[in-house]
Amino acid sequence: MRIEAYTQVQQLYGTKKANTTKKTGTASFSDQVQISSIGKDIQTVKSAVGSSSDIREELTAPIKSAIQNGTYDVSNESFADKLLAKYEEMR
């Protein structure tokens, strides 16, 4: 290992350079954003979907009550057919 190289690197990190940036003029710039009507529609739909519930209660309420009453019955054949159909879709 060369000691000279180490001291040169140490000297580089030890010195501080003064910032010599100059301000040129006093021009002021402002950013502007324009959202298209499609973008506004997308934002409206996005907020409406975000505020809605993930669960459709009108569909799940009868099933929940049937399960609680013990009257909910699933057809084994229907379940097997749907399971096999889903399996075929994934292949």
Foldseek 3Di string as FASTA:
>chain_A
DDPVVVVVVVVVVVDDDDDDDDDDDDDDDDDDDDDDPVRVVVVVVVVVVVPDDPDDCVVCVVVVVCVVVVNDDDDPVVVVVVVVVVVVVVD
